Amino acid sequence: VITLDLDVRGRVVKQDGYAAVMKGPV
């Protein structure tokens, strides 16, 4: 068994006075 734990914390991405949220690749 292989177990993998990736970092899917919510991330805030900012650009030119705007912000967006990503969770992992989504």
PDB file of all heavy atoms in Angstrom:
ATOM      1  N   VAL A   1       0.840  -1.189   0.000  1.00  0.00           N
ATOM      2  CA  VAL A   1       0.000   0.000   0.000  1.00  0.00           C
ATOM      3  C   VAL A   1       0.886   1.254   0.000  1.00  0.00           C
ATOM      4  O   VAL A   1       1.800   1.383   0.817  1.00  0.00           O
ATOM      5  CB  VAL A   1      -0.941   0.030   1.220  1.00  0.00           C
ATOM      6  CG1 VAL A   1      -1.670   1.371   1.318  1.00  0.00           C
ATOM      7  CG2 VAL A   1      -1.946  -1.116   1.130  1.00  0.00           C
ATOM      8  N   ILE A   2       0.601   2.147  -0.917  1.00  0.00           N
ATOM      9  CA  ILE A   2       1.233   3.466  -0.948  1.00  0.00           C
ATOM     10  C   ILE A   2       0.216   4.474  -0.432  1.00  0.00           C
ATOM     11  O   ILE A   2      -0.942   4.481  -0.879  1.00  0.00           O
ATOM     12  CB  ILE A   2       1.652   3.872  -2.370  1.00  0.00           C
ATOM     13  CG1 ILE A   2       2.560   2.829  -3.002  1.00  0.00           C
ATOM     14  CG2 ILE A   2       2.332   5.241  -2.364  1.00  0.00           C
ATOM     15  CD1 ILE A   2       2.840   3.083  -4.476  1.00  0.00           C
ATOM     16  N   THR A   3       0.626   5.317   0.490  1.00  0.00           N
ATOM     17  CA  THR A   3      -0.230   6.417   0.930  1.00  0.00           C
ATOM     18  C   THR A   3       0.459   7.729   0.578  1.00  0.00           C
ATOM     19  O   THR A   3       1.666   7.890   0.767  1.00  0.00           O
ATOM     20  CB  THR A   3      -0.501   6.354   2.446  1.00  0.00           C
ATOM     21  OG1 THR A   3       0.721   6.265   3.157  1.00  0.00           O
ATOM     22  CG2 THR A   3      -1.389   5.173   2.780  1.00  0.00           C
ATOM     23  N   LEU A   4      -0.324   8.626   0.061  1.00  0.00           N
ATOM     24  CA  LEU A   4       0.160   9.942  -0.364  1.00  0.00           C
ATOM     25  C   LEU A   4      -0.742  10.995   0.249  1.00  0.00           C
ATOM     26  O   LEU A   4      -1.973  10.866   0.213  1.00  0.00           O
ATOM     27  CB  LEU A   4       0.123  10.031  -1.900  1.00  0.00           C
ATOM     28  CG  LEU A   4       0.351  11.383  -2.565  1.00  0.00           C
ATOM     29  CD1 LEU A   4       1.728  11.941  -2.237  1.00  0.00           C
ATOM     30  CD2 LEU A   4       0.181  11.254  -4.089  1.00  0.00           C
ATOM     31  N   ASP A   5      -0.145  12.009   0.834  1.00  0.00           N
ATOM     32  CA  ASP A   5      -0.920  13.098   1.428  1.00  0.00           C
ATOM     33  C   ASP A   5      -0.459  14.404   0.793  1.00  0.00           C
ATOM     34  O   ASP A   5       0.683  14.829   0.969  1.00  0.00           O
ATOM     35  CB  ASP A   5      -0.711  13.142   2.948  1.00  0.00           C
ATOM     36  CG  ASP A   5      -1.810  13.928   3.655  1.00  0.00           C
ATOM     37  OD1 ASP A   5      -2.621  14.572   2.958  1.00  0.00           O
ATOM     38  OD2 ASP A   5      -1.856  13.909   4.891  1.00  0.00           O
ATOM     39  N   LEU A   6      -1.337  15.017  -0.001  1.00  0.00           N
ATOM     40  CA  LEU A   6      -1.032  16.269  -0.685  1.00  0.00           C
ATOM     41  C   LEU A   6      -1.655  17.446   0.061  1.00  0.00           C
ATOM     42  O   LEU A   6      -2.625  17.291   0.801  1.00  0.00           O
ATOM     43  CB  LEU A   6      -1.549  16.230  -2.131  1.00  0.00           C
ATOM     44  CG  LEU A   6      -0.930  15.161  -3.033  1.00  0.00           C
ATOM     45  CD1 LEU A   6      -1.590  15.173  -4.401  1.00  0.00           C
ATOM     46  CD2 LEU A   6       0.572  15.358  -3.166  1.00  0.00           C
ATOM     47  N   ASP A   7      -1.108  18.616  -0.153  1.00  0.00           N
ATOM     48  CA  ASP A   7      -1.504  19.832   0.550  1.00  0.00           C
ATOM     49  C   ASP A   7      -2.625  20.534  -0.217  1.00  0.00           C
ATOM     50  O   ASP A   7      -2.374  21.274  -1.163  1.00  0.00           O
ATOM     51  CB  ASP A   7      -0.288  20.749   0.679  1.00  0.00           C
ATOM     52  CG  ASP A   7      -0.542  21.963   1.539  1.00  0.00           C
ATOM     53  OD1 ASP A   7      -1.699  22.170   1.951  1.00  0.00           O
ATOM     54  OD2 ASP A   7       0.424  22.711   1.793  1.00  0.00           O
ATOM     55  N   VAL A   8      -3.868  20.280   0.175  1.00  0.00           N
ATOM     56  CA  VAL A   8      -5.007  20.861  -0.535  1.00  0.00           C
ATOM     57  C   VAL A   8      -5.675  21.965   0.291  1.00  0.00           C
ATOM     58  O   VAL A   8      -6.870  22.227   0.148  1.00  0.00           O
ATOM     59  CB  VAL A   8      -6.035  19.785  -0.934  1.00  0.00           C
ATOM     60  CG1 VAL A   8      -5.456  18.814  -1.936  1.00  0.00           C
ATOM     61  CG2 VAL A   8      -6.556  19.037   0.288  1.00  0.00           C
ATOM     62  N   ARG A   9      -4.894  22.642   1.138  1.00  0.00           N
ATOM     63  CA  ARG A   9      -5.440  23.793   1.858  1.00  0.00           C
ATOM     64  C   ARG A   9      -5.954  24.835   0.869  1.00  0.00           C
ATOM     65  O   ARG A   9      -5.432  24.979  -0.242  1.00  0.00           O
ATOM     66  CB  ARG A   9      -4.363  24.423   2.740  1.00  0.00           C
ATOM     67  CG  ARG A   9      -3.950  23.623   3.950  1.00  0.00           C
ATOM     68  CD  ARG A   9      -2.805  24.314   4.665  1.00  0.00           C
ATOM     69  NE  ARG A   9      -1.582  24.313   3.868  1.00  0.00           N
ATOM     70  CZ  ARG A   9      -0.495  25.026   4.179  1.00  0.00           C
ATOM     71  NH1 ARG A   9      -0.498  25.810   5.249  1.00  0.00           N
ATOM     72  NH2 ARG A   9       0.591  24.949   3.416  1.00  0.00           N
ATOM     73  N   GLY A  10      -6.978  25.581   1.281  1.00  0.00           N
ATOM     74  CA  GLY A  10      -7.474  26.666   0.446  1.00  0.00           C
ATOM     75  C   GLY A  10      -6.397  27.722   0.263  1.00  0.00           C
ATOM     76  O   GLY A  10      -5.763  28.158   1.226  1.00  0.00           O
ATOM     77  N   ARG A  11      -6.182  28.142  -0.966  1.00  0.00           N
ATOM     78  CA  ARG A  11      -5.164  29.137  -1.281  1.00  0.00           C
ATOM     79  C   ARG A  11      -5.817  30.366  -1.893  1.00  0.00           C
ATOM     80  O   ARG A  11      -6.694  30.245  -2.764  1.00  0.00           O
ATOM     81  CB  ARG A  11      -4.133  28.593  -2.272  1.00  0.00           C
ATOM     82  CG  ARG A  11      -3.563  27.262  -1.902  1.00  0.00           C
ATOM     83  CD  ARG A  11      -2.375  26.854  -2.765  1.00  0.00           C
ATOM     84  NE  ARG A  11      -2.589  26.924  -4.183  1.00  0.00           N
ATOM     85  CZ  ARG A  11      -3.236  26.025  -4.911  1.00  0.00           C
ATOM     86  NH1 ARG A  11      -3.789  24.970  -4.320  1.00  0.00           N
ATOM     87  NH2 ARG A  11      -3.358  26.158  -6.213  1.00  0.00           N
ATOM     88  N   VAL A  12      -5.387  31.531  -1.469  1.00  0.00           N
ATOM     89  CA  VAL A  12      -5.860  32.778  -2.060  1.00  0.00           C
ATOM     90  C   VAL A  12      -4.856  33.217  -3.120  1.00  0.00           C
ATOM     91  O   VAL A  12      -3.654  33.313  -2.852  1.00  0.00           O
ATOM     92  CB  VAL A  12      -6.025  33.878  -0.997  1.00  0.00           C
ATOM     93  CG1 VAL A  12      -6.431  35.190  -1.655  1.00  0.00           C
ATOM     94  CG2 VAL A  12      -7.069  33.462   0.029  1.00  0.00           C
ATOM     95  N   VAL A  13      -5.351  33.451  -4.313  1.00  0.00           N
ATOM     96  CA  VAL A  13      -4.534  33.928  -5.428  1.00  0.00           C
ATOM     97  C   VAL A  13      -4.953  35.362  -5.720  1.00  0.00           C
ATOM     98  O   VAL A  13      -6.151  35.643  -5.847  1.00  0.00           O
ATOM     99  CB  VAL A  13      -4.736  33.047  -6.679  1.00  0.00           C
ATOM    100  CG1 VAL A  13      -3.863  33.530  -7.827  1.00  0.00           C
ATOM    101  CG2 VAL A  13      -4.460  31.585  -6.353  1.00  0.00           C
ATOM    102  N   LYS A  14      -3.983  36.278  -5.816  1.00  0.00           N
ATOM    103  CA  LYS A  14      -4.310  37.686  -6.006  1.00  0.00           C
ATOM    104  C   LYS A  14      -3.736  38.211  -7.309  1.00  0.00           C
ATOM    105  O   LYS A  14      -2.670  37.795  -7.752  1.00  0.00           O
ATOM    106  CB  LYS A  14      -3.783  38.512  -4.839  1.00  0.00           C
ATOM    107  CG  LYS A  14      -4.441  38.179  -3.501  1.00  0.00           C
ATOM    108  CD  LYS A  14      -4.073  39.189  -2.429  1.00  0.00           C
ATOM    109  CE  LYS A  14      -4.819  38.892  -1.136  1.00  0.00           C
ATOM    110  NZ  LYS A  14      -4.619  39.949  -0.115  1.00  0.00           N
ATOM    111  N   GLN A  15      -4.480  39.134  -7.901  1.00  0.00           N
ATOM    112  CA  GLN A  15      -4.018  39.769  -9.134  1.00  0.00           C
ATOM    113  C   GLN A  15      -4.758  41.079  -9.352  1.00  0.00           C
ATOM    114  O   GLN A  15      -5.985  41.095  -9.431  1.00  0.00           O
ATOM    115  CB  GLN A  15      -4.235  38.844 -10.343  1.00  0.00           C
ATOM    116  CG  GLN A  15      -3.786  39.451 -11.661  1.00  0.00           C
ATOM    117  CD  GLN A  15      -3.804  38.450 -12.800  1.00  0.00           C
ATOM    118  OE1 GLN A  15      -3.294  37.338 -12.666  1.00  0.00           O
ATOM    119  NE2 GLN A  15      -4.387  38.832 -13.921  1.00  0.00           N
ATOM    120  N   ASP A  16      -4.001  42.180  -9.406  1.00  0.00           N
ATOM    121  CA  ASP A  16      -4.528  43.488  -9.809  1.00  0.00           C
ATOM    122  C   ASP A  16      -5.788  43.897  -9.051  1.00  0.00           C
ATOM    123  O   ASP A  16      -6.764  44.356  -9.655  1.00  0.00           O
ATOM    124  CB  ASP A  16      -4.815  43.500 -11.312  1.00  0.00           C
ATOM    125  CG  ASP A  16      -3.560  43.297 -12.137  1.00  0.00           C
ATOM    126  OD1 ASP A  16      -2.472  43.635 -11.650  1.00  0.00           O
ATOM    127  OD2 ASP A  16      -3.675  42.778 -13.265  1.00  0.00           O
ATOM    128  N   GLY A  17      -5.790  43.725  -7.723  1.00  0.00           N
ATOM    129  CA  GLY A  17      -6.939  44.149  -6.934  1.00  0.00           C
ATOM    130  C   GLY A  17      -8.071  43.151  -6.889  1.00  0.00           C
ATOM    131  O   GLY A  17      -9.169  43.465  -6.417  1.00  0.00           O
ATOM    132  N   TYR A  18      -7.825  41.957  -7.373  1.00  0.00           N
ATOM    133  CA  TYR A  18      -8.820  40.881  -7.329  1.00  0.00           C
ATOM    134  C   TYR A  18      -8.226  39.706  -6.567  1.00  0.00           C
ATOM    135  O   TYR A  18      -6.999  39.557  -6.471  1.00  0.00           O
ATOM    136  CB  TYR A  18      -9.213  40.425  -8.733  1.00  0.00           C
ATOM    137  CG  TYR A  18      -9.948  41.457  -9.546  1.00  0.00           C
ATOM    138  CD1 TYR A  18      -9.257  42.423 -10.277  1.00  0.00           C
ATOM    139  CD2 TYR A  18     -11.339  41.469  -9.579  1.00  0.00           C
ATOM    140  CE1 TYR A  18      -9.938  43.373 -11.027  1.00  0.00           C
ATOM    141  CE2 TYR A  18     -12.028  42.412 -10.329  1.00  0.00           C
ATOM    142  CZ  TYR A  18     -11.317  43.355 -11.040  1.00  0.00           C
ATOM    143  OH  TYR A  18     -11.990  44.295 -11.780  1.00  0.00           O
ATOM    144  N   ALA A  19      -9.079  38.841  -6.061  1.00  0.00           N
ATOM    145  CA  ALA A  19      -8.637  37.642  -5.357  1.00  0.00           C
ATOM    146  C   ALA A  19      -9.517  36.465  -5.756  1.00  0.00           C
ATOM    147  O   ALA A  19     -10.715  36.630  -6.030  1.00  0.00           O
ATOM    148  CB  ALA A  19      -8.683  37.846  -3.844  1.00  0.00           C
ATOM    149  N   ALA A  20      -8.918  35.293  -5.807  1.00  0.00           N
ATOM    150  CA  ALA A  20      -9.646  34.062  -6.100  1.00  0.00           C
ATOM    151  C   ALA A  20      -9.175  32.989  -5.130  1.00  0.00           C
ATOM    152  O   ALA A  20      -8.126  33.122  -4.486  1.00  0.00           O
ATOM    153  CB  ALA A  20      -9.416  33.620  -7.537  1.00  0.00           C
ATOM    154  N   VAL A  21      -9.957  31.927  -5.010  1.00  0.00           N
ATOM    155  CA  VAL A  21      -9.657  30.844  -4.067  1.00  0.00           C
ATOM    156  C   VAL A  21      -9.500  29.542  -4.843  1.00  0.00           C
ATOM    157  O   VAL A  21     -10.303  29.229  -5.726  1.00  0.00           O
ATOM    158  CB  VAL A  21     -10.768  30.700  -3.011  1.00  0.00           C
ATOM    159  CG1 VAL A  21     -10.437  29.559  -2.043  1.00  0.00           C
ATOM    160  CG2 VAL A  21     -10.967  32.008  -2.250  1.00  0.00           C
ATOM    161  N   MET A  22      -8.451  28.786  -4.493  1.00  0.00           N
ATOM    162  CA  MET A  22      -8.245  27.458  -5.060  1.00  0.00           C
ATOM    163  C   MET A  22      -8.134  26.446  -3.931  1.00  0.00           C
ATOM    164  O   MET A  22      -7.639  26.766  -2.843  1.00  0.00           O
ATOM    165  CB  MET A  22      -6.980  27.410  -5.913  1.00  0.00           C
ATOM    166  CG  MET A  22      -7.013  28.288  -7.141  1.00  0.00           C
ATOM    167  SD  MET A  22      -5.633  27.949  -8.286  1.00  0.00           S
ATOM    168  CE  MET A  22      -6.149  26.364  -8.978  1.00  0.00           C
ATOM    169  N   LYS A  23      -8.588  25.238  -4.208  1.00  0.00           N
ATOM    170  CA  LYS A  23      -8.392  24.106  -3.294  1.00  0.00           C
ATOM    171  C   LYS A  23      -7.722  23.009  -4.097  1.00  0.00           C
ATOM    172  O   LYS A  23      -8.347  22.391  -4.970  1.00  0.00           O
ATOM    173  CB  LYS A  23      -9.705  23.617  -2.702  1.00  0.00           C
ATOM    174  CG  LYS A  23      -9.491  22.488  -1.682  1.00  0.00           C
ATOM    175  CD  LYS A  23     -10.750  22.189  -0.929  1.00  0.00           C
ATOM    176  CE  LYS A  23     -10.554  21.023   0.041  1.00  0.00           C
ATOM    177  NZ  LYS A  23      -9.530  21.291   1.057  1.00  0.00           N
ATOM    178  N   GLY A  24      -6.443  22.778  -3.812  1.00  0.00           N
ATOM    179  CA  GLY A  24      -5.699  21.860  -4.653  1.00  0.00           C
ATOM    180  C   GLY A  24      -5.688  22.387  -6.076  1.00  0.00           C
ATOM    181  O   GLY A  24      -5.400  23.559  -6.321  1.00  0.00           O
ATOM    182  N   PRO A  25      -6.036  21.543  -7.055  1.00  0.00           N
ATOM    183  CA  PRO A  25      -6.051  21.995  -8.450  1.00  0.00           C
ATOM    184  C   PRO A  25      -7.349  22.703  -8.846  1.00  0.00           C
ATOM    185  O   PRO A  25      -7.473  23.163  -9.982  1.00  0.00           O
ATOM    186  CB  PRO A  25      -5.922  20.681  -9.225  1.00  0.00           C
ATOM    187  CG  PRO A  25      -6.647  19.696  -8.357  1.00  0.00           C
ATOM    188  CD  PRO A  25      -6.346  20.105  -6.927  1.00  0.00           C
ATOM    189  N   VAL A  26      -8.309  22.771  -7.927  1.00  0.00           N
ATOM    190  CA  VAL A  26      -9.659  23.218  -8.275  1.00  0.00           C
ATOM    191  C   VAL A  26      -9.857  24.689  -7.936  1.00  0.00           C
ATOM    192  O   VAL A  26      -9.597  25.128  -6.813  1.00  0.00           O
ATOM    193  CB  VAL A  26     -10.717  22.359  -7.555  1.00  0.00           C
ATOM    194  CG1 VAL A  26     -12.121  22.901  -7.788  1.00  0.00           C
ATOM    195  CG2 VAL A  26     -10.630  20.909  -8.026  1.00  0.00           C
TER     196      VAL A  26
END
